[in-house]
Structures are given as C-alpha cells and as structure tokens.
PDB file of N, CA and C in Angstrom:
ATOM      1  N   MET A   1      -0.946  14.507  30.251  1.00  0.00           N
ATOM      2  CA  MET A   1      -1.556  15.809  30.465  1.00  0.00           C
ATOM      3  C   MET A   1      -0.501  16.877  30.165  1.00  0.00           C
ATOM      4  N   SER A   2      -0.857  17.814  29.327  1.00  0.00           N
ATOM      5  CA  SER A   2       0.098  18.856  28.945  1.00  0.00           C
ATOM      6  C   SER A   2      -0.086  20.142  29.727  1.00  0.00           C
ATOM      7  N   GLN A   3      -1.114  20.208  30.525  1.00  0.00           N
ATOM      8  CA  GLN A   3      -1.382  21.416  31.297  1.00  0.00           C
ATOM      9  C   GLN A   3      -0.999  21.232  32.756  1.00  0.00           C
ATOM     10  N   ALA A   4      -0.739  22.357  33.412  1.00  0.00           N
ATOM     11  CA  ALA A   4      -0.469  22.336  34.851  1.00  0.00           C
ATOM     12  C   ALA A   4      -1.779  22.112  35.598  1.00  0.00           C
ATOM     13  N   LEU A   5      -1.670  21.574  36.807  1.00  0.00           N
ATOM     14  CA  LEU A   5      -2.828  21.381  37.675  1.00  0.00           C
ATOM     15  C   LEU A   5      -2.628  22.173  38.956  1.00  0.00           C
ATOM     16  N   GLY A   6      -3.704  22.729  39.473  1.00  0.00           N
ATOM     17  CA  GLY A   6      -3.662  23.440  40.741  1.00  0.00           C
ATOM     18  C   GLY A   6      -4.798  22.985  41.627  1.00  0.00           C
ATOM     19  N   PHE A   7      -4.526  22.912  42.937  1.00  0.00           N
ATOM     20  CA  PHE A   7      -5.504  22.418  43.899  1.00  0.00           C
ATOM     21  C   PHE A   7      -5.648  23.402  45.048  1.00  0.00           C
ATOM     22  N   VAL A   8      -6.869  23.598  45.504  1.00  0.00           N
ATOM     23  CA  VAL A   8      -7.124  24.302  46.759  1.00  0.00           C
ATOM     24  C   VAL A   8      -8.132  23.448  47.518  1.00  0.00           C
ATOM     25  N   GLU A   9      -7.788  23.077  48.747  1.00  0.00           N
ATOM     26  CA  GLU A   9      -8.672  22.264  49.577  1.00  0.00           C
ATOM     27  C   GLU A   9      -9.090  23.081  50.788  1.00  0.00           C
ATOM     28  N   THR A  10     -10.396  23.103  51.046  1.00  0.00           N
ATOM     29  CA  THR A  10     -10.930  23.883  52.157  1.00  0.00           C
ATOM     30  C   THR A  10     -11.715  22.984  53.103  1.00  0.00           C
ATOM     31  N   ARG A  11     -12.055  23.539  54.269  1.00  0.00           N
ATOM     32  CA  ARG A  11     -12.816  22.779  55.241  1.00  0.00           C
ATOM     33  C   ARG A  11     -14.308  23.116  55.208  1.00  0.00           C
ATOM     34  N   SER A  12     -14.773  23.832  54.195  1.00  0.00           N
ATOM     35  CA  SER A  12     -16.206  24.102  54.092  1.00  0.00           C
ATOM     36  C   SER A  12     -16.595  24.323  52.634  1.00  0.00           C
ATOM     37  N   LEU A  13     -17.843  24.022  52.324  1.00  0.00           N
ATOM     38  CA  LEU A  13     -18.347  24.210  50.974  1.00  0.00           C
ATOM     39  C   LEU A  13     -18.352  25.690  50.568  1.00  0.00           C
ATOM     40  N   PRO A  14     -18.818  26.612  51.433  1.00  0.00           N
ATOM     41  CA  PRO A  14     -18.788  28.024  51.029  1.00  0.00           C
ATOM     42  C   PRO A  14     -17.378  28.526  50.695  1.00  0.00           C
ATOM     43  N   ALA A  15     -16.390  28.098  51.441  1.00  0.00           N
ATOM     44  CA  ALA A  15     -15.019  28.516  51.155  1.00  0.00           C
ATOM     45  C   ALA A  15     -14.553  27.942  49.821  1.00  0.00           C
ATOM     46  N   ALA A  16     -14.937  26.720  49.513  1.00  0.00           N
ATOM     47  CA  ALA A  16     -14.553  26.098  48.242  1.00  0.00           C
ATOM     48  C   ALA A  16     -15.228  26.786  47.062  1.00  0.00           C
ATOM     49  N   VAL A  17     -16.483  27.151  47.221  1.00  0.00           N
ATOM     50  CA  VAL A  17     -17.185  27.881  46.159  1.00  0.00           C
ATOM     51  C   VAL A  17     -16.521  29.234  45.936  1.00  0.00           C
ATOM     52  N   GLU A  18     -16.160  29.902  47.009  1.00  0.00           N
ATOM     53  CA  GLU A  18     -15.459  31.185  46.904  1.00  0.00           C
ATOM     54  C   GLU A  18     -14.113  31.004  46.202  1.00  0.00           C
ATOM     55  N   ALA A  19     -13.394  29.938  46.542  1.00  0.00           N
ATOM     56  CA  ALA A  19     -12.107  29.658  45.899  1.00  0.00           C
ATOM     57  C   ALA A  19     -12.299  29.401  44.407  1.00  0.00           C
ATOM     58  N   ALA A  20     -13.281  28.571  44.051  1.00  0.00           N
ATOM     59  CA  ALA A  20     -13.528  28.243  42.646  1.00  0.00           C
ATOM     60  C   ALA A  20     -13.895  29.491  41.846  1.00  0.00           C
ATOM     61  N   ASP A  21     -14.740  30.332  42.404  1.00  0.00           N
ATOM     62  CA  ASP A  21     -15.138  31.567  41.733  1.00  0.00           C
ATOM     63  C   ASP A  21     -13.935  32.474  41.511  1.00  0.00           C
ATOM     64  N   SER A  22     -13.145  32.641  42.535  1.00  0.00           N
ATOM     65  CA  SER A  22     -11.963  33.497  42.449  1.00  0.00           C
ATOM     66  C   SER A  22     -10.934  32.936  41.467  1.00  0.00           C
ATOM     67  N   MET A  23     -10.745  31.622  41.479  1.00  0.00           N
ATOM     68  CA  MET A  23      -9.780  30.998  40.581  1.00  0.00           C
ATOM     69  C   MET A  23     -10.184  31.169  39.123  1.00  0.00           C
ATOM     70  N   ALA A  24     -11.468  30.963  38.841  1.00  0.00           N
ATOM     71  CA  ALA A  24     -11.950  31.079  37.466  1.00  0.00           C
ATOM     72  C   ALA A  24     -11.867  32.522  36.950  1.00  0.00           C
ATOM     73  N   LYS A  25     -12.043  33.481  37.845  1.00  0.00           N
ATOM     74  CA  LYS A  25     -11.987  34.890  37.453  1.00  0.00           C
ATOM     75  C   LYS A  25     -10.562  35.435  37.377  1.00  0.00           C
ATOM     76  N   ALA A  26      -9.645  34.851  38.118  1.00  0.00           N
ATOM     77  CA  ALA A  26      -8.286  35.388  38.225  1.00  0.00           C
ATOM     78  C   ALA A  26      -7.419  35.088  37.014  1.00  0.00           C
ATOM     79  N   ALA A  27      -7.655  33.974  36.353  1.00  0.00           N
ATOM     80  CA  ALA A  27      -6.759  33.569  35.265  1.00  0.00           C
ATOM     81  C   ALA A  27      -7.506  32.670  34.285  1.00  0.00           C
ATOM     82  N   ASN A  28      -6.876  32.424  33.172  1.00  0.00           N
ATOM     83  CA  ASN A  28      -7.452  31.575  32.135  1.00  0.00           C
ATOM     84  C   ASN A  28      -7.215  30.110  32.498  1.00  0.00           C
ATOM     85  N   VAL A  29      -8.052  29.586  33.385  1.00  0.00           N
ATOM     86  CA  VAL A  29      -7.974  28.194  33.815  1.00  0.00           C
ATOM     87  C   VAL A  29      -9.338  27.536  33.657  1.00  0.00           C
ATOM     88  N   THR A  30      -9.326  26.222  33.660  1.00  0.00           N
ATOM     89  CA  THR A  30     -10.553  25.441  33.588  1.00  0.00           C
ATOM     90  C   THR A  30     -10.710  24.674  34.889  1.00  0.00           C
ATOM     91  N   ILE A  31     -11.909  24.704  35.456  1.00  0.00           N
ATOM     92  CA  ILE A  31     -12.169  23.909  36.655  1.00  0.00           C
ATOM     93  C   ILE A  31     -12.345  22.459  36.202  1.00  0.00           C
ATOM     94  N   VAL A  32     -11.406  21.615  36.613  1.00  0.00           N
ATOM     95  CA  VAL A  32     -11.400  20.212  36.218  1.00  0.00           C
ATOM     96  C   VAL A  32     -12.310  19.400  37.122  1.00  0.00           C
ATOM     97  N   GLU A  33     -12.276  19.715  38.403  1.00  0.00           N
ATOM     98  CA  GLU A  33     -13.074  18.948  39.352  1.00  0.00           C
ATOM     99  C   GLU A  33     -13.369  19.771  40.592  1.00  0.00           C
ATOM    100  N   PHE A  34     -14.543  19.517  41.140  1.00  0.00           N
ATOM    101  CA  PHE A  34     -14.978  20.109  42.399  1.00  0.00           C
ATOM    102  C   PHE A  34     -15.413  18.915  43.232  1.00  0.00           C
ATOM    103  N   ARG A  35     -14.562  18.453  44.130  1.00  0.00           N
ATOM    104  CA  ARG A  35     -14.804  17.190  44.824  1.00  0.00           C
ATOM    105  C   ARG A  35     -15.065  17.398  46.308  1.00  0.00           C
ATOM    106  N   VAL A  36     -16.209  16.901  46.774  1.00  0.00           N
ATOM    107  CA  VAL A  36     -16.514  16.881  48.205  1.00  0.00           C
ATOM    108  C   VAL A  36     -15.849  15.625  48.750  1.00  0.00           C
ATOM    109  N   VAL A  37     -14.793  15.812  49.520  1.00  0.00           N
ATOM    110  CA  VAL A  37     -13.987  14.693  50.005  1.00  0.00           C
ATOM    111  C   VAL A  37     -14.667  14.001  51.168  1.00  0.00           C
ATOM    112  N   GLY A  38     -15.241  14.755  52.079  1.00  0.00           N
ATOM    113  CA  GLY A  38     -15.894  14.224  53.267  1.00  0.00           C
ATOM    114  C   GLY A  38     -15.378  14.933  54.498  1.00  0.00           C
ATOM    115  N   SER A  39     -16.108  14.849  55.593  1.00  0.00           N
ATOM    116  CA  SER A  39     -15.757  15.515  56.846  1.00  0.00           C
ATOM    117  C   SER A  39     -15.570  17.020  56.660  1.00  0.00           C
ATOM    118  N   GLY A  40     -16.326  17.574  55.738  1.00  0.00           N
ATOM    119  CA  GLY A  40     -16.264  19.016  55.497  1.00  0.00           C
ATOM    120  C   GLY A  40     -15.183  19.452  54.529  1.00  0.00           C
ATOM    121  N   LEU A  41     -14.338  18.528  54.058  1.00  0.00           N
ATOM    122  CA  LEU A  41     -13.268  18.886  53.134  1.00  0.00           C
ATOM    123  C   LEU A  41     -13.789  18.913  51.701  1.00  0.00           C
ATOM    124  N   VAL A  42     -13.436  19.980  50.992  1.00  0.00           N
ATOM    125  CA  VAL A  42     -13.829  20.144  49.597  1.00  0.00           C
ATOM    126  C   VAL A  42     -12.606  20.585  48.814  1.00  0.00           C
ATOM    127  N   ALA A  43     -12.336  19.929  47.692  1.00  0.00           N
ATOM    128  CA  ALA A  43     -11.177  20.252  46.856  1.00  0.00           C
ATOM    129  C   ALA A  43     -11.634  20.825  45.523  1.00  0.00           C
ATOM    130  N   VAL A  44     -10.954  21.872  45.084  1.00  0.00           N
ATOM    131  CA  VAL A  44     -11.184  22.466  43.767  1.00  0.00           C
ATOM    132  C   VAL A  44      -9.901  22.267  42.970  1.00  0.00           C
ATOM    133  N   ILE A  45     -10.026  21.690  41.784  1.00  0.00           N
ATOM    134  CA  ILE A  45      -8.870  21.419  40.936  1.00  0.00           C
ATOM    135  C   ILE A  45      -9.040  22.162  39.622  1.00  0.00           C
ATOM    136  N   VAL A  46      -8.002  22.902  39.220  1.00  0.00           N
ATOM    137  CA  VAL A  46      -8.030  23.652  37.970  1.00  0.00           C
ATOM    138  C   VAL A  46      -6.854  23.238  37.095  1.00  0.00           C
ATOM    139  N   ALA A  47      -6.987  23.489  35.794  1.00  0.00           N
ATOM    140  CA  ALA A  47      -5.921  23.182  34.840  1.00  0.00           C
ATOM    141  C   ALA A  47      -5.715  24.364  33.909  1.00  0.00           C
ATOM    142  N   GLY A  48      -4.489  24.506  33.416  1.00  0.00           N
ATOM    143  CA  GLY A  48      -4.158  25.578  32.477  1.00  0.00           C
ATOM    144  C   GLY A  48      -2.656  25.731  32.370  1.00  0.00           C
ATOM    145  N   GLU A  49      -2.231  26.850  31.819  1.00  0.00           N
ATOM    146  CA  GLU A  49      -0.805  27.152  31.743  1.00  0.00           C
ATOM    147  C   GLU A  49      -0.256  27.354  33.155  1.00  0.00           C
ATOM    148  N   VAL A  50       1.015  27.094  33.346  1.00  0.00           N
ATOM    149  CA  VAL A  50       1.617  27.124  34.678  1.00  0.00           C
ATOM    150  C   VAL A  50       1.402  28.464  35.381  1.00  0.00           C
ATOM    151  N   ALA A  51       1.692  29.562  34.707  1.00  0.00           N
ATOM    152  CA  ALA A  51       1.548  30.885  35.331  1.00  0.00           C
ATOM    153  C   ALA A  51       0.092  31.180  35.677  1.00  0.00           C
ATOM    154  N   ALA A  52      -0.824  30.781  34.803  1.00  0.00           N
ATOM    155  CA  ALA A  52      -2.244  31.008  35.064  1.00  0.00           C
ATOM    156  C   ALA A  52      -2.717  30.180  36.255  1.00  0.00           C
ATOM    157  N   VAL A  53      -2.271  28.936  36.321  1.00  0.00           N
ATOM    158  CA  VAL A  53      -2.672  28.068  37.436  1.00  0.00           C
ATOM    159  C   VAL A  53      -2.106  28.598  38.748  1.00  0.00           C
ATOM    160  N   GLN A  54      -0.854  29.045  38.736  1.00  0.00           N
ATOM    161  CA  GLN A  54      -0.254  29.601  39.959  1.00  0.00           C
ATOM    162  C   GLN A  54      -1.016  30.833  40.423  1.00  0.00           C
ATOM    163  N   SER A  55      -1.366  31.699  39.489  1.00  0.00           N
ATOM    164  CA  SER A  55      -2.136  32.896  39.825  1.00  0.00           C
ATOM    165  C   SER A  55      -3.513  32.529  40.358  1.00  0.00           C
ATOM    166  N   ALA A  56      -4.151  31.557  39.719  1.00  0.00           N
ATOM    167  CA  ALA A  56      -5.482  31.129  40.159  1.00  0.00           C
ATOM    168  C   ALA A  56      -5.447  30.525  41.556  1.00  0.00           C
ATOM    169  N   VAL A  57      -4.464  29.690  41.833  1.00  0.00           N
ATOM    170  CA  VAL A  57      -4.343  29.066  43.156  1.00  0.00           C
ATOM    171  C   VAL A  57      -4.083  30.124  44.222  1.00  0.00           C
ATOM    172  N   ASP A  58      -3.213  31.075  43.932  1.00  0.00           N
ATOM    173  CA  ASP A  58      -2.949  32.155  44.892  1.00  0.00           C
ATOM    174  C   ASP A  58      -4.222  32.947  45.184  1.00  0.00           C
ATOM    175  N   SER A  59      -4.969  33.257  44.137  1.00  0.00           N
ATOM    176  CA  SER A  59      -6.209  34.013  44.306  1.00  0.00           C
ATOM    177  C   SER A  59      -7.264  33.198  45.051  1.00  0.00           C
ATOM    178  N   GLY A  60      -7.412  31.933  44.674  1.00  0.00           N
ATOM    179  CA  GLY A  60      -8.397  31.071  45.330  1.00  0.00           C
ATOM    180  C   GLY A  60      -8.085  30.839  46.792  1.00  0.00           C
ATOM    181  N   ARG A  61      -6.805  30.668  47.093  1.00  0.00           N
ATOM    182  CA  ARG A  61      -6.384  30.470  48.481  1.00  0.00           C
ATOM    183  C   ARG A  61      -6.712  31.696  49.325  1.00  0.00           C
ATOM    184  N   ALA A  62      -6.428  32.878  48.797  1.00  0.00           N
ATOM    185  CA  ALA A  62      -6.708  34.115  49.532  1.00  0.00           C
ATOM    186  C   ALA A  62      -8.208  34.314  49.738  1.00  0.00           C
ATOM    187  N   ALA A  63      -8.986  34.088  48.693  1.00  0.00           N
ATOM    188  CA  ALA A  63     -10.439  34.282  48.785  1.00  0.00           C
ATOM    189  C   ALA A  63     -11.072  33.283  49.743  1.00  0.00           C
ATOM    190  N   ALA A  64     -10.657  32.034  49.670  1.00  0.00           N
ATOM    191  CA  ALA A  64     -11.220  31.006  50.547  1.00  0.00           C
ATOM    192  C   ALA A  64     -10.855  31.275  52.003  1.00  0.00           C
ATOM    193  N   GLY A  65      -9.669  31.807  52.231  1.00  0.00           N
ATOM    194  CA  GLY A  65      -9.225  32.111  53.590  1.00  0.00           C
ATOM    195  C   GLY A  65     -10.063  33.179  54.268  1.00  0.00           C
ATOM    196  N   LEU A  66     -10.717  34.016  53.474  1.00  0.00           N
ATOM    197  CA  LEU A  66     -11.599  35.048  54.039  1.00  0.00           C
ATOM    198  C   LEU A  66     -12.934  34.467  54.496  1.00  0.00           C
ATOM    199  N   VAL A  67     -13.313  33.325  53.931  1.00  0.00           N
ATOM    200  CA  VAL A  67     -14.615  32.728  54.212  1.00  0.00           C
ATOM    201  C   VAL A  67     -14.514  31.552  55.173  1.00  0.00           C
ATOM    202  N   GLY A  68     -13.430  30.794  55.065  1.00  0.00           N
ATOM    203  CA  GLY A  68     -13.276  29.590  55.882  1.00  0.00           C
ATOM    204  C   GLY A  68     -11.815  29.215  56.001  1.00  0.00           C
ATOM    205  N   GLU A  69     -11.583  27.957  56.272  1.00  0.00           N
ATOM    206  CA  GLU A  69     -10.218  27.466  56.480  1.00  0.00           C
ATOM    207  C   GLU A  69      -9.669  26.801  55.221  1.00  0.00           C
ATOM    208  N   VAL A  70      -8.482  27.214  54.803  1.00  0.00           N
ATOM    209  CA  VAL A  70      -7.776  26.555  53.705  1.00  0.00           C
ATOM    210  C   VAL A  70      -6.914  25.465  54.328  1.00  0.00           C
ATOM    211  N   VAL A  71      -7.144  24.223  53.916  1.00  0.00           N
ATOM    212  CA  VAL A  71      -6.428  23.089  54.472  1.00  0.00           C
ATOM    213  C   VAL A  71      -5.109  22.872  53.731  1.00  0.00           C
ATOM    214  N   SER A  72      -5.164  22.916  52.403  1.00  0.00           N
ATOM    215  CA  SER A  72      -3.952  22.720  51.614  1.00  0.00           C
ATOM    216  C   SER A  72      -4.124  23.313  50.225  1.00  0.00           C
ATOM    217  N   PHE A  73      -3.000  23.466  49.541  1.00  0.00           N
ATOM    218  CA  PHE A  73      -2.997  23.955  48.162  1.00  0.00           C
ATOM    219  C   PHE A  73      -1.698  23.506  47.517  1.00  0.00           C
ATOM    220  N   ASN A  74      -1.709  23.399  46.187  1.00  0.00           N
ATOM    221  CA  ASN A  74      -0.504  22.964  45.487  1.00  0.00           C
ATOM    222  C   ASN A  74      -0.660  23.254  44.001  1.00  0.00           C
ATOM    223  N   VAL A  75       0.483  23.390  43.326  1.00  0.00           N
ATOM    224  CA  VAL A  75       0.519  23.521  41.870  1.00  0.00           C
ATOM    225  C   VAL A  75       1.468  22.458  41.339  1.00  0.00           C
ATOM    226  N   LEU A  76       0.995  21.687  40.376  1.00  0.00           N
ATOM    227  CA  LEU A  76       1.825  20.694  39.695  1.00  0.00           C
ATOM    228  C   LEU A  76       2.111  21.233  38.290  1.00  0.00           C
ATOM    229  N   PRO A  77       3.318  21.747  38.059  1.00  0.00           N
ATOM    230  CA  PRO A  77       3.613  22.367  36.766  1.00  0.00           C
ATOM    231  C   PRO A  77       3.598  21.391  35.582  1.00  0.00           C
ATOM    232  N   ARG A  78       4.079  20.181  35.788  1.00  0.00           N
ATOM    233  CA  ARG A  78       4.126  19.183  34.719  1.00  0.00           C
ATOM    234  C   ARG A  78       3.712  17.825  35.279  1.00  0.00           C
ATOM    235  N   PRO A  79       2.421  17.627  35.524  1.00  0.00           N
ATOM    236  CA  PRO A  79       1.999  16.347  36.088  1.00  0.00           C
ATOM    237  C   PRO A  79       2.224  15.201  35.105  1.00  0.00           C
ATOM    238  N   HIS A  80       2.558  14.048  35.650  1.00  0.00           N
ATOM    239  CA  HIS A  80       2.759  12.845  34.839  1.00  0.00           C
ATOM    240  C   HIS A  80       1.424  12.459  34.202  1.00  0.00           C
ATOM    241  N   ASN A  81       1.476  11.803  33.043  1.00  0.00           N
ATOM    242  CA  ASN A  81       0.254  11.394  32.344  1.00  0.00           C
ATOM    243  C   ASN A  81      -0.621  10.463  33.179  1.00  0.00           C
ATOM    244  N   GLU A  82      -0.039   9.733  34.094  1.00  0.00           N
ATOM    245  CA  GLU A  82      -0.804   8.818  34.941  1.00  0.00           C
ATOM    246  C   GLU A  82      -1.723   9.559  35.921  1.00  0.00           C
ATOM    247  N   VAL A  83      -1.437  10.824  36.167  1.00  0.00           N
ATOM    248  CA  VAL A  83      -2.271  11.612  37.080  1.00  0.00           C
ATOM    249  C   VAL A  83      -3.685  11.763  36.525  1.00  0.00           C
ATOM    250  N   ASP A  84      -3.823  11.748  35.203  1.00  0.00           N
ATOM    251  CA  ASP A  84      -5.143  11.827  34.580  1.00  0.00           C
ATOM    252  C   ASP A  84      -6.085  10.736  35.099  1.00  0.00           C
ATOM    253  N   LYS A  85      -5.539   9.565  35.352  1.00  0.00           N
ATOM    254  CA  LYS A  85      -6.365   8.441  35.827  1.00  0.00           C
ATOM    255  C   LYS A  85      -6.976   8.725  37.184  1.00  0.00           C
ATOM    256  N   LEU A  86      -6.309   9.524  38.001  1.00  0.00           N
ATOM    257  CA  LEU A  86      -6.818   9.861  39.324  1.00  0.00           C
ATOM    258  C   LEU A  86      -8.014  10.805  39.245  1.00  0.00           C
ATOM    259  N   LEU A  87      -8.105  11.562  38.164  1.00  0.00           N
ATOM    260  CA  LEU A  87      -9.165  12.559  38.026  1.00  0.00           C
ATOM    261  C   LEU A  87     -10.359  12.061  37.240  1.00  0.00           C
ATOM    262  N   GLU A  88     -10.334  10.805  36.827  1.00  0.00           N
ATOM    263  CA  GLU A  88     -11.464  10.250  36.064  1.00  0.00           C
ATOM    264  C   GLU A  88     -12.580   9.805  36.952  1.00  0.00           C
TER     265      GLU A  88
END
C-alpha cells in the first residue's frame, strides 16, 4: 500500500457517520472501510496522502466528539503491504 491510512473509532453509529462525512469533506481522502465492530463500536478507515489523512482524522475526531464518544484514532503514514490483507 502506497497511501497512508487513518482510523477513527466511535462508540455510536451517528458519531461514525459524522466522522466519515467530516473526513471526506476535510481532505482529499477515500473512505476505505466503514466497519461496525460490535457493542456499539464503529470504525471509519480512510486512505490518501499523509497530510490529507492527518487532516481528515483530526477533523473526523473533532466532529464525532460533538455527537458521541471517540474511542480511538490513529494515522499510519507508511503501512506495511501486509496491512492490505486485514482490510479485505
């Protein structure tokens, strides 16, 4: 994978939708996955250039925090190629 990955995990679906919307609008990123983990946890994963992903994660985290609880977030600037297998 040549692009950076960013994650925002929330404790509610509305907060995750808000995060995804904000992330897509904040920077030139692609939503790679929207995964309902279980027990109310929902993860939004985006990909793009490192600066765009960082901006998107910051924006998504802030927006989701206004609606619900942000559980975790992270940016992987240069994920290993094996990480692709986890997202299939």
